[in-house]
Amino acid sequence: MGGINFQTGLLVVSYFGYLLLGSVIFQALERNSEKELKASVYEMKAAFLENLASLTPQDVEEFVKNLTQAIQRGVYPLGNATDTDHSNWDFSNSFFFVGSIVSTIGCGTLSPKTAGGQIFCVFFALFGIPLNIIVLHRVGKALSSLCERLGKCLYRKGMREKRIKFLTLQFFLVTGVLVFLGLPALVFHSVEGWTYNEGIYYAFITLSTIGFGDYVVGVQPGRTYRSYYRALVAIWILFGLAWIALLFNLLTTFLEDTERKIAEDLHKIASEREHGRSVIRCQLSKAGLKEEEEEELTLGP
């Protein structure tokens, strides 16, 4: 057990080391390109405001088109040109980005735009996604071991196996909902300004890897975020994925056990019914009744 725990710990450390390395490399590849894009967007904005009185409808459409493209690339042209010193490719955002790659959620406004960044993204995902699956599997096994220990403790207290599985499912469901859905929703309500319902919605859509991208953390214009905020969100996602995978596994096992129990009960009822018919036939045969009368009494009218 100790060797397994050591291997799991080493794997998790290596996993986060891989994410940290990817964050640093993406920063180096993308930061300068984004800075140049921001500078050009602010120049476009200044030129638009300077020539506002003489603009044609075509000029306005072109400005809106360029502005939309800039926002889609994560550049919000608010404030003045000095804001170009702030980069979306800081460490926190980069760590969140690599987390969205390996978890295959892939939602957000941040994406590599340089040729080097795009090529590196392909190879990073090629190795990172299998590594993420392995880590989630190991973490899931560790949580499953916790389930087994909890089940054994309840079994020693005389509880039935079916009830133990149901209570274990309830425990991880309630605990996980509070830790991975309820509390994060409160944080998103405070930091992002979303409603609590929107926070719950974002948390589940993200952890289930549906990832519509309609809500993205850390990108609301006019809001100030802590430097470590998106990095913490990435860590929450990675551990939340392990929890929801375990929850789905427990739920599937519980439903399969329930289905098997129902099938066994139906088979038992059918067997008892057939046995009852056989007993009646035997008794009627001894009484000397005809086969037709026997069938009528056995099956009923």
C-alpha atoms as a PDB file:
ATOM      1  CA  MET A   1       0.000   0.000   0.000  1.00  0.00           C
ATOM      2  CA  GLY A   2       2.842   2.388   0.873  1.00  0.00           C
ATOM      3  CA  GLY A   3       4.544   1.726  -2.474  1.00  0.00           C
ATOM      4  CA  ILE A   4       1.317   2.413  -4.347  1.00  0.00           C
ATOM      5  CA  ASN A   5       0.793   5.677  -2.449  1.00  0.00           C
ATOM      6  CA  PHE A   6       4.375   6.717  -3.226  1.00  0.00           C
ATOM      7  CA  GLN A   7       3.899   5.954  -6.918  1.00  0.00           C
ATOM      8  CA  THR A   8       0.625   7.898  -6.976  1.00  0.00           C
ATOM      9  CA  GLY A   9       2.251  10.854  -5.223  1.00  0.00           C
ATOM     10  CA  LEU A  10       5.189  10.793  -7.635  1.00  0.00           C
ATOM     11  CA  LEU A  11       2.807  10.633 -10.589  1.00  0.00           C
ATOM     12  CA  VAL A  12       0.789  13.622  -9.331  1.00  0.00           C
ATOM     13  CA  VAL A  13       3.982  15.646  -8.753  1.00  0.00           C
ATOM     14  CA  SER A  14       5.216  14.792 -12.261  1.00  0.00           C
ATOM     15  CA  TYR A  15       1.809  15.715 -13.653  1.00  0.00           C
ATOM     16  CA  PHE A  16       1.818  19.166 -12.103  1.00  0.00           C
ATOM     17  CA  GLY A  17       5.441  19.590 -13.162  1.00  0.00           C
ATOM     18  CA  TYR A  18       4.345  18.895 -16.735  1.00  0.00           C
ATOM     19  CA  LEU A  19       1.602  21.522 -16.438  1.00  0.00           C
ATOM     20  CA  LEU A  20       4.009  24.076 -14.962  1.00  0.00           C
ATOM     21  CA  LEU A  21       6.497  23.487 -17.768  1.00  0.00           C
ATOM     22  CA  GLY A  22       3.761  23.884 -20.360  1.00  0.00           C
ATOM     23  CA  SER A  23       2.602  27.124 -18.727  1.00  0.00           C
ATOM     24  CA  VAL A  24       6.087  28.634 -18.900  1.00  0.00           C
ATOM     25  CA  ILE A  25       6.599  27.614 -22.537  1.00  0.00           C
ATOM     26  CA  PHE A  26       3.225  28.989 -23.656  1.00  0.00           C
ATOM     27  CA  GLN A  27       4.026  32.258 -21.881  1.00  0.00           C
ATOM     28  CA  ALA A  28       7.320  32.533 -23.739  1.00  0.00           C
ATOM     29  CA  LEU A  29       5.750  31.717 -27.111  1.00  0.00           C
ATOM     30  CA  GLU A  30       2.577  33.807 -26.949  1.00  0.00           C
ATOM     31  CA  ARG A  31       3.158  36.827 -24.715  1.00  0.00           C
ATOM     32  CA  ASN A  32       4.971  39.068 -27.202  1.00  0.00           C
ATOM     33  CA  SER A  33       2.514  38.251 -29.995  1.00  0.00           C
ATOM     34  CA  GLU A  34      -0.407  39.217 -27.783  1.00  0.00           C
ATOM     35  CA  LYS A  35       1.331  42.453 -26.787  1.00  0.00           C
ATOM     36  CA  GLU A  36       1.687  43.398 -30.461  1.00  0.00           C
ATOM     37  CA  LEU A  37      -1.983  42.581 -31.070  1.00  0.00           C
ATOM     38  CA  LYS A  38      -3.036  44.775 -28.150  1.00  0.00           C
ATOM     39  CA  ALA A  39      -0.950  47.670 -29.440  1.00  0.00           C
ATOM     40  CA  SER A  40      -2.530  47.419 -32.901  1.00  0.00           C
ATOM     41  CA  VAL A  41      -6.032  47.239 -31.406  1.00  0.00           C
ATOM     42  CA  TYR A  42      -5.451  50.371 -29.313  1.00  0.00           C
ATOM     43  CA  GLU A  43      -4.111  52.155 -32.402  1.00  0.00           C
ATOM     44  CA  MET A  44      -7.234  51.099 -34.324  1.00  0.00           C
ATOM     45  CA  LYS A  45      -9.416  52.364 -31.482  1.00  0.00           C
ATOM     46  CA  ALA A  46      -7.591  55.711 -31.344  1.00  0.00           C
ATOM     47  CA  ALA A  47      -7.883  56.167 -35.119  1.00  0.00           C
ATOM     48  CA  PHE A  48     -11.589  55.337 -34.976  1.00  0.00           C
ATOM     49  CA  LEU A  49     -12.242  57.941 -32.277  1.00  0.00           C
ATOM     50  CA  GLU A  50     -10.105  60.544 -34.033  1.00  0.00           C
ATOM     51  CA  ASN A  51     -11.981  60.187 -37.329  1.00  0.00           C
ATOM     52  CA  LEU A  52     -15.393  59.553 -35.793  1.00  0.00           C
ATOM     53  CA  ALA A  53     -17.108  62.440 -37.574  1.00  0.00           C
ATOM     54  CA  SER A  54     -15.997  61.393 -41.068  1.00  0.00           C
ATOM     55  CA  LEU A  55     -16.492  57.635 -40.864  1.00  0.00           C
ATOM     56  CA  THR A  56     -18.494  55.827 -43.527  1.00  0.00           C
ATOM     57  CA  PRO A  57     -20.793  52.861 -42.795  1.00  0.00           C
ATOM     58  CA  GLN A  58     -18.131  50.591 -44.316  1.00  0.00           C
ATOM     59  CA  ASP A  59     -15.534  51.994 -41.888  1.00  0.00           C
ATOM     60  CA  VAL A  60     -17.822  51.289 -38.936  1.00  0.00           C
ATOM     61  CA  GLU A  61     -18.470  47.725 -40.121  1.00  0.00           C
ATOM     62  CA  GLU A  62     -14.736  47.130 -40.545  1.00  0.00           C
ATOM     63  CA  PHE A  63     -14.057  48.496 -37.066  1.00  0.00           C
ATOM     64  CA  VAL A  64     -16.750  46.289 -35.510  1.00  0.00           C
ATOM     65  CA  LYS A  65     -15.374  43.262 -37.370  1.00  0.00           C
ATOM     66  CA  ASN A  66     -11.812  43.892 -36.160  1.00  0.00           C
ATOM     67  CA  LEU A  67     -13.049  44.631 -32.651  1.00  0.00           C
ATOM     68  CA  THR A  68     -15.012  41.363 -32.535  1.00  0.00           C
ATOM     69  CA  GLN A  69     -11.979  39.392 -33.707  1.00  0.00           C
ATOM     70  CA  ALA A  70      -9.830  41.031 -31.040  1.00  0.00           C
ATOM     71  CA  ILE A  71     -12.325  40.162 -28.284  1.00  0.00           C
ATOM     72  CA  GLN A  72     -12.504  36.577 -29.537  1.00  0.00           C
ATOM     73  CA  ARG A  73      -8.732  36.429 -29.132  1.00  0.00           C
ATOM     74  CA  GLY A  74      -8.991  37.652 -25.556  1.00  0.00           C
ATOM     75  CA  VAL A  75      -8.082  41.307 -26.150  1.00  0.00           C
ATOM     76  CA  TYR A  76     -10.538  43.811 -24.676  1.00  0.00           C
ATOM     77  CA  PRO A  77      -9.739  47.345 -25.928  1.00  0.00           C
ATOM     78  CA  LEU A  78     -10.760  49.144 -22.739  1.00  0.00           C
ATOM     79  CA  GLY A  79      -8.696  51.873 -21.106  1.00  0.00           C
ATOM     80  CA  ASN A  80      -5.626  53.291 -22.835  1.00  0.00           C
ATOM     81  CA  ALA A  81      -2.450  52.069 -24.495  1.00  0.00           C
ATOM     82  CA  THR A  82      -0.617  51.640 -21.185  1.00  0.00           C
ATOM     83  CA  ASP A  83      -2.818  48.590 -20.556  1.00  0.00           C
ATOM     84  CA  THR A  84      -0.725  46.655 -23.091  1.00  0.00           C
ATOM     85  CA  ASP A  85       1.698  45.933 -20.247  1.00  0.00           C
ATOM     86  CA  HIS A  86      -0.907  43.555 -18.795  1.00  0.00           C
ATOM     87  CA  SER A  87      -0.917  40.211 -20.585  1.00  0.00           C
ATOM     88  CA  ASN A  88      -3.506  37.476 -20.703  1.00  0.00           C
ATOM     89  CA  TRP A  89      -0.567  35.084 -20.915  1.00  0.00           C
ATOM     90  CA  ASP A  90       0.531  35.541 -17.315  1.00  0.00           C
ATOM     91  CA  PHE A  91       1.328  32.443 -15.261  1.00  0.00           C
ATOM     92  CA  SER A  92      -2.166  32.016 -13.805  1.00  0.00           C
ATOM     93  CA  ASN A  93      -3.920  32.219 -17.172  1.00  0.00           C
ATOM     94  CA  SER A  94      -1.304  30.010 -18.824  1.00  0.00           C
ATOM     95  CA  PHE A  95      -1.736  27.357 -16.129  1.00  0.00           C
ATOM     96  CA  PHE A  96      -5.507  27.489 -16.579  1.00  0.00           C
ATOM     97  CA  PHE A  97      -5.027  27.137 -20.325  1.00  0.00           C
ATOM     98  CA  VAL A  98      -2.826  24.026 -20.104  1.00  0.00           C
ATOM     99  CA  GLY A  99      -5.312  22.541 -17.625  1.00  0.00           C
ATOM    100  CA  SER A 100      -8.116  23.032 -20.151  1.00  0.00           C
ATOM    101  CA  ILE A 101      -5.984  21.273 -22.770  1.00  0.00           C
ATOM    102  CA  VAL A 102      -5.179  18.096 -20.842  1.00  0.00           C
ATOM    103  CA  SER A 103      -8.716  17.864 -19.422  1.00  0.00           C
ATOM    104  CA  THR A 104     -10.120  18.263 -22.986  1.00  0.00           C
ATOM    105  CA  ILE A 105     -12.560  20.950 -21.789  1.00  0.00           C
ATOM    106  CA  GLY A 106     -10.984  23.453 -24.147  1.00  0.00           C
ATOM    107  CA  CYS A 107     -13.260  26.414 -23.463  1.00  0.00           C
ATOM    108  CA  GLY A 108     -12.209  30.025 -23.094  1.00  0.00           C
ATOM    109  CA  THR A 109     -10.926  33.010 -25.043  1.00  0.00           C
ATOM    110  CA  LEU A 110      -7.256  32.071 -24.665  1.00  0.00           C
ATOM    111  CA  SER A 111      -5.643  30.067 -27.451  1.00  0.00           C
ATOM    112  CA  PRO A 112      -2.230  30.033 -29.153  1.00  0.00           C
ATOM    113  CA  LYS A 113      -1.924  32.326 -32.159  1.00  0.00           C
ATOM    114  CA  THR A 114       1.736  31.931 -33.128  1.00  0.00           C
ATOM    115  CA  ALA A 115       2.909  29.035 -35.299  1.00  0.00           C
ATOM    116  CA  GLY A 116       5.268  27.885 -32.548  1.00  0.00           C
ATOM    117  CA  GLY A 117       2.510  28.008 -29.938  1.00  0.00           C
ATOM    118  CA  GLN A 118       0.090  26.041 -32.093  1.00  0.00           C
ATOM    119  CA  ILE A 119       2.645  23.316 -32.912  1.00  0.00           C
ATOM    120  CA  PHE A 120       3.683  23.057 -29.259  1.00  0.00           C
ATOM    121  CA  CYS A 121      -0.006  22.832 -28.287  1.00  0.00           C
ATOM    122  CA  VAL A 122      -0.427  19.752 -30.507  1.00  0.00           C
ATOM    123  CA  PHE A 123       2.492  17.892 -28.924  1.00  0.00           C
ATOM    124  CA  PHE A 124       1.631  19.094 -25.417  1.00  0.00           C
ATOM    125  CA  ALA A 125      -1.904  17.696 -25.792  1.00  0.00           C
ATOM    126  CA  LEU A 126      -0.589  14.503 -27.413  1.00  0.00           C
ATOM    127  CA  PHE A 127       1.289  13.595 -24.233  1.00  0.00           C
ATOM    128  CA  GLY A 128      -0.732  15.585 -21.704  1.00  0.00           C
ATOM    129  CA  ILE A 129      -4.159  14.053 -22.347  1.00  0.00           C
ATOM    130  CA  PRO A 130      -3.012  10.429 -21.745  1.00  0.00           C
ATOM    131  CA  LEU A 131      -1.099  11.611 -18.673  1.00  0.00           C
ATOM    132  CA  ASN A 132      -4.239  13.309 -17.388  1.00  0.00           C
ATOM    133  CA  ILE A 133      -6.246  10.097 -17.892  1.00  0.00           C
ATOM    134  CA  ILE A 134      -3.637   8.080 -15.974  1.00  0.00           C
ATOM    135  CA  VAL A 135      -3.587  10.576 -13.103  1.00  0.00           C
ATOM    136  CA  LEU A 136      -7.382  10.682 -12.868  1.00  0.00           C
ATOM    137  CA  HIS A 137      -7.428   6.872 -12.869  1.00  0.00           C
ATOM    138  CA  ARG A 138      -4.903   6.742 -10.017  1.00  0.00           C
ATOM    139  CA  VAL A 139      -6.716   9.395  -8.008  1.00  0.00           C
ATOM    140  CA  GLY A 140      -9.984   7.580  -8.674  1.00  0.00           C
ATOM    141  CA  LYS A 141      -8.463   4.342  -7.364  1.00  0.00           C
ATOM    142  CA  ALA A 142      -7.332   6.159  -4.222  1.00  0.00           C
ATOM    143  CA  LEU A 143     -10.861   7.477  -3.687  1.00  0.00           C
ATOM    144  CA  SER A 144     -12.257   4.002  -4.391  1.00  0.00           C
ATOM    145  CA  SER A 145      -9.994   2.613  -1.672  1.00  0.00           C
ATOM    146  CA  LEU A 146     -11.466   5.195   0.666  1.00  0.00           C
ATOM    147  CA  CYS A 147     -14.938   3.966  -0.340  1.00  0.00           C
ATOM    148  CA  GLU A 148     -13.938   0.378   0.417  1.00  0.00           C
ATOM    149  CA  ARG A 149     -12.562   1.272   3.843  1.00  0.00           C
ATOM    150  CA  LEU A 150     -15.743   3.174   4.631  1.00  0.00           C
ATOM    151  CA  GLY A 151     -17.811   0.191   3.458  1.00  0.00           C
ATOM    152  CA  LYS A 152     -15.829  -2.282   5.579  1.00  0.00           C
ATOM    153  CA  CYS A 153     -16.284  -0.075   8.628  1.00  0.00           C
ATOM    154  CA  LEU A 154     -20.055  -0.021   8.099  1.00  0.00           C
ATOM    155  CA  TYR A 155     -20.129  -3.772   7.365  1.00  0.00           C
ATOM    156  CA  ARG A 156     -18.430  -4.531  10.676  1.00  0.00           C
ATOM    157  CA  LYS A 157     -21.235  -2.622  12.353  1.00  0.00           C
ATOM    158  CA  GLY A 158     -23.758  -5.062  10.890  1.00  0.00           C
ATOM    159  CA  MET A 159     -25.022  -3.025   7.954  1.00  0.00           C
ATOM    160  CA  ARG A 160     -26.189  -4.807   4.801  1.00  0.00           C
ATOM    161  CA  GLU A 161     -24.058  -4.612   1.663  1.00  0.00           C
ATOM    162  CA  LYS A 162     -26.758  -2.970  -0.469  1.00  0.00           C
ATOM    163  CA  ARG A 163     -27.335  -0.259   2.134  1.00  0.00           C
ATOM    164  CA  ILE A 164     -23.574   0.280   2.434  1.00  0.00           C
ATOM    165  CA  LYS A 165     -23.293   0.946  -1.313  1.00  0.00           C
ATOM    166  CA  PHE A 166     -26.235   3.342  -1.181  1.00  0.00           C
ATOM    167  CA  LEU A 167     -24.793   5.271   1.789  1.00  0.00           C
ATOM    168  CA  THR A 168     -21.345   5.398   0.167  1.00  0.00           C
ATOM    169  CA  LEU A 169     -22.893   6.860  -2.977  1.00  0.00           C
ATOM    170  CA  GLN A 170     -24.806   9.402  -0.882  1.00  0.00           C
ATOM    171  CA  PHE A 171     -21.665  10.367   1.060  1.00  0.00           C
ATOM    172  CA  PHE A 172     -19.567  11.081  -2.026  1.00  0.00           C
ATOM    173  CA  LEU A 173     -22.489  12.756  -3.777  1.00  0.00           C
ATOM    174  CA  VAL A 174     -23.274  15.172  -0.932  1.00  0.00           C
ATOM    175  CA  THR A 175     -19.623  15.848  -0.052  1.00  0.00           C
ATOM    176  CA  GLY A 176     -18.651  16.363  -3.687  1.00  0.00           C
ATOM    177  CA  VAL A 177     -21.618  18.618  -4.445  1.00  0.00           C
ATOM    178  CA  LEU A 178     -20.647  20.843  -1.517  1.00  0.00           C
ATOM    179  CA  VAL A 179     -16.894  20.897  -2.226  1.00  0.00           C
ATOM    180  CA  PHE A 180     -16.825  20.899  -6.032  1.00  0.00           C
ATOM    181  CA  LEU A 181     -20.131  22.590  -6.933  1.00  0.00           C
ATOM    182  CA  GLY A 182     -21.584  24.517  -3.986  1.00  0.00           C
ATOM    183  CA  LEU A 183     -18.492  26.294  -2.622  1.00  0.00           C
ATOM    184  CA  PRO A 184     -17.012  27.146  -6.064  1.00  0.00           C
ATOM    185  CA  ALA A 185     -20.377  28.634  -7.084  1.00  0.00           C
ATOM    186  CA  LEU A 186     -20.122  30.998  -4.098  1.00  0.00           C
ATOM    187  CA  VAL A 187     -16.606  31.975  -5.184  1.00  0.00           C
ATOM    188  CA  PHE A 188     -17.757  32.621  -8.756  1.00  0.00           C
ATOM    189  CA  HIS A 189     -20.673  34.686  -7.437  1.00  0.00           C
ATOM    190  CA  SER A 190     -18.238  36.849  -5.469  1.00  0.00           C
ATOM    191  CA  VAL A 191     -15.382  37.093  -7.982  1.00  0.00           C
ATOM    192  CA  GLU A 192     -17.173  36.968 -11.341  1.00  0.00           C
ATOM    193  CA  GLY A 193     -20.469  38.620 -10.377  1.00  0.00           C
ATOM    194  CA  TRP A 194     -22.490  35.654 -11.627  1.00  0.00           C
ATOM    195  CA  THR A 195     -25.668  34.508  -9.943  1.00  0.00           C
ATOM    196  CA  TYR A 196     -25.424  31.416  -7.759  1.00  0.00           C
ATOM    197  CA  ASN A 197     -27.380  29.425 -10.353  1.00  0.00           C
ATOM    198  CA  GLU A 198     -24.907  30.482 -13.045  1.00  0.00           C
ATOM    199  CA  GLY A 199     -22.041  29.412 -10.792  1.00  0.00           C
ATOM    200  CA  ILE A 200     -23.564  25.957 -10.289  1.00  0.00           C
ATOM    201  CA  TYR A 201     -24.230  25.708 -14.022  1.00  0.00           C
ATOM    202  CA  TYR A 202     -20.640  26.649 -14.928  1.00  0.00           C
ATOM    203  CA  ALA A 203     -19.177  24.265 -12.342  1.00  0.00           C
ATOM    204  CA  PHE A 204     -21.114  21.236 -13.572  1.00  0.00           C
ATOM    205  CA  ILE A 205     -20.726  21.996 -17.294  1.00  0.00           C
ATOM    206  CA  THR A 206     -16.982  22.375 -16.748  1.00  0.00           C
ATOM    207  CA  LEU A 207     -16.417  19.299 -14.569  1.00  0.00           C
ATOM    208  CA  SER A 208     -18.513  17.114 -16.854  1.00  0.00           C
ATOM    209  CA  THR A 209     -16.216  18.308 -19.718  1.00  0.00           C
ATOM    210  CA  ILE A 210     -19.208  19.512 -21.746  1.00  0.00           C
ATOM    211  CA  GLY A 211     -17.561  22.937 -21.852  1.00  0.00           C
ATOM    212  CA  PHE A 212     -19.876  25.149 -23.906  1.00  0.00           C
ATOM    213  CA  GLY A 213     -17.635  28.167 -23.342  1.00  0.00           C
ATOM    214  CA  ASP A 214     -20.571  30.508 -22.676  1.00  0.00           C
ATOM    215  CA  TYR A 215     -19.121  31.261 -19.218  1.00  0.00           C
ATOM    216  CA  VAL A 216     -15.375  31.716 -18.751  1.00  0.00           C
ATOM    217  CA  VAL A 217     -13.610  32.653 -15.527  1.00  0.00           C
ATOM    218  CA  GLY A 218     -11.193  35.539 -15.215  1.00  0.00           C
ATOM    219  CA  VAL A 219     -12.153  37.478 -18.349  1.00  0.00           C
ATOM    220  CA  GLN A 220     -14.902  39.865 -17.215  1.00  0.00           C
ATOM    221  CA  PRO A 221     -14.036  43.413 -18.396  1.00  0.00           C
ATOM    222  CA  GLY A 222     -13.669  45.922 -15.586  1.00  0.00           C
ATOM    223  CA  ARG A 223     -13.037  43.283 -12.896  1.00  0.00           C
ATOM    224  CA  THR A 224      -9.774  42.838 -11.039  1.00  0.00           C
ATOM    225  CA  TYR A 225      -8.587  39.287 -10.414  1.00  0.00           C
ATOM    226  CA  ARG A 226      -5.960  37.910  -8.072  1.00  0.00           C
ATOM    227  CA  SER A 227      -2.862  36.674  -9.891  1.00  0.00           C
ATOM    228  CA  TYR A 228      -3.387  33.110  -8.658  1.00  0.00           C
ATOM    229  CA  TYR A 229      -7.154  32.970  -9.281  1.00  0.00           C
ATOM    230  CA  ARG A 230      -7.267  31.059 -12.570  1.00  0.00           C
ATOM    231  CA  ALA A 231      -4.488  28.713 -11.426  1.00  0.00           C
ATOM    232  CA  LEU A 232      -6.638  27.729  -8.445  1.00  0.00           C
ATOM    233  CA  VAL A 233      -9.615  27.247 -10.765  1.00  0.00           C
ATOM    234  CA  ALA A 234      -7.477  24.909 -12.894  1.00  0.00           C
ATOM    235  CA  ILE A 235      -6.532  22.847  -9.819  1.00  0.00           C
ATOM    236  CA  TRP A 236     -10.216  22.717  -8.808  1.00  0.00           C
ATOM    237  CA  ILE A 237     -11.082  21.411 -12.280  1.00  0.00           C
ATOM    238  CA  LEU A 238      -8.444  18.674 -12.184  1.00  0.00           C
ATOM    239  CA  PHE A 239      -9.542  17.330  -8.790  1.00  0.00           C
ATOM    240  CA  GLY A 240     -13.206  17.869  -9.633  1.00  0.00           C
ATOM    241  CA  LEU A 241     -12.812  15.683 -12.709  1.00  0.00           C
ATOM    242  CA  ALA A 242     -11.560  12.855 -10.490  1.00  0.00           C
ATOM    243  CA  TRP A 243     -14.551  13.280  -8.167  1.00  0.00           C
ATOM    244  CA  ILE A 244     -17.180  13.335 -10.898  1.00  0.00           C
ATOM    245  CA  ALA A 245     -15.569  10.318 -12.619  1.00  0.00           C
ATOM    246  CA  LEU A 246     -15.748   8.396  -9.329  1.00  0.00           C
ATOM    247  CA  LEU A 247     -19.335   9.546  -8.789  1.00  0.00           C
ATOM    248  CA  PHE A 248     -20.410   8.321 -12.221  1.00  0.00           C
ATOM    249  CA  ASN A 249     -18.633   5.021 -11.550  1.00  0.00           C
ATOM    250  CA  LEU A 250     -20.389   4.570  -8.188  1.00  0.00           C
ATOM    251  CA  LEU A 251     -23.740   5.501  -9.706  1.00  0.00           C
ATOM    252  CA  THR A 252     -23.253   3.037 -12.565  1.00  0.00           C
ATOM    253  CA  THR A 253     -22.281   0.264 -10.136  1.00  0.00           C
ATOM    254  CA  PHE A 254     -25.300   0.999  -7.932  1.00  0.00           C
ATOM    255  CA  LEU A 255     -27.697   0.914 -10.896  1.00  0.00           C
ATOM    256  CA  GLU A 256     -26.148  -2.303 -12.224  1.00  0.00           C
ATOM    257  CA  ASP A 257     -26.481  -3.944  -8.791  1.00  0.00           C
ATOM    258  CA  THR A 258     -30.098  -2.765  -8.555  1.00  0.00           C
ATOM    259  CA  GLU A 259     -30.867  -4.133 -12.024  1.00  0.00           C
ATOM    260  CA  ARG A 260     -29.253  -7.469 -11.149  1.00  0.00           C
ATOM    261  CA  LYS A 261     -31.204  -7.669  -7.871  1.00  0.00           C
ATOM    262  CA  ILE A 262     -34.497  -6.990  -9.701  1.00  0.00           C
ATOM    263  CA  ALA A 263     -33.668  -9.685 -12.271  1.00  0.00           C
ATOM    264  CA  GLU A 264     -32.842 -12.159  -9.489  1.00  0.00           C
ATOM    265  CA  ASP A 265     -36.103 -11.359  -7.685  1.00  0.00           C
ATOM    266  CA  LEU A 266     -38.125 -11.831 -10.873  1.00  0.00           C
ATOM    267  CA  HIS A 267     -36.362 -15.123 -11.551  1.00  0.00           C
ATOM    268  CA  LYS A 268     -37.031 -16.255  -7.977  1.00  0.00           C
ATOM    269  CA  ILE A 269     -40.735 -15.364  -8.290  1.00  0.00           C
ATOM    270  CA  ALA A 270     -40.982 -17.252 -11.589  1.00  0.00           C
ATOM    271  CA  SER A 271     -39.219 -20.279 -10.082  1.00  0.00           C
ATOM    272  CA  GLU A 272     -41.480 -20.304  -7.038  1.00  0.00           C
ATOM    273  CA  ARG A 273     -44.538 -20.036  -9.259  1.00  0.00           C
ATOM    274  CA  GLU A 274     -43.380 -22.938 -11.418  1.00  0.00           C
ATOM    275  CA  HIS A 275     -42.588 -24.980  -8.325  1.00  0.00           C
ATOM    276  CA  GLY A 276     -46.087 -24.283  -6.990  1.00  0.00           C
ATOM    277  CA  ARG A 277     -47.625 -25.451 -10.240  1.00  0.00           C
ATOM    278  CA  SER A 278     -45.569 -28.645 -10.133  1.00  0.00           C
ATOM    279  CA  VAL A 279     -46.725 -29.381  -6.586  1.00  0.00           C
ATOM    280  CA  ILE A 280     -50.371 -28.829  -7.547  1.00  0.00           C
ATOM    281  CA  ARG A 281     -50.011 -31.084 -10.601  1.00  0.00           C
ATOM    282  CA  CYS A 282     -48.471 -33.807  -8.469  1.00  0.00           C
ATOM    283  CA  GLN A 283     -51.228 -33.611  -5.862  1.00  0.00           C
ATOM    284  CA  LEU A 284     -53.985 -33.576  -8.455  1.00  0.00           C
ATOM    285  CA  SER A 285     -52.394 -36.491 -10.267  1.00  0.00           C
ATOM    286  CA  LYS A 286     -52.417 -38.495  -7.068  1.00  0.00           C
ATOM    287  CA  ALA A 287     -56.071 -37.591  -6.599  1.00  0.00           C
ATOM    288  CA  GLY A 288     -56.778 -39.174  -9.996  1.00  0.00           C
ATOM    289  CA  LEU A 289     -58.058 -36.073 -11.816  1.00  0.00           C
ATOM    290  CA  LYS A 290     -57.909 -35.873 -15.553  1.00  0.00           C
ATOM    291  CA  GLU A 291     -55.252 -33.838 -17.291  1.00  0.00           C
ATOM    292  CA  GLU A 292     -57.784 -31.242 -18.504  1.00  0.00           C
ATOM    293  CA  GLU A 293     -59.183 -30.707 -15.028  1.00  0.00           C
ATOM    294  CA  GLU A 294     -55.678 -30.545 -13.656  1.00  0.00           C
ATOM    295  CA  GLU A 295     -54.720 -27.838 -16.135  1.00  0.00           C
ATOM    296  CA  GLU A 296     -57.885 -25.872 -15.387  1.00  0.00           C
ATOM    297  CA  LEU A 297     -57.319 -25.972 -11.632  1.00  0.00           C
ATOM    298  CA  THR A 298     -53.632 -25.188 -12.015  1.00  0.00           C
ATOM    299  CA  LEU A 299     -53.920 -22.201 -14.324  1.00  0.00           C
ATOM    300  CA  GLY A 300     -57.343 -20.993 -13.279  1.00  0.00           C
ATOM    301  CA  PRO A 301     -60.181 -19.808 -15.500  1.00  0.00           C
END
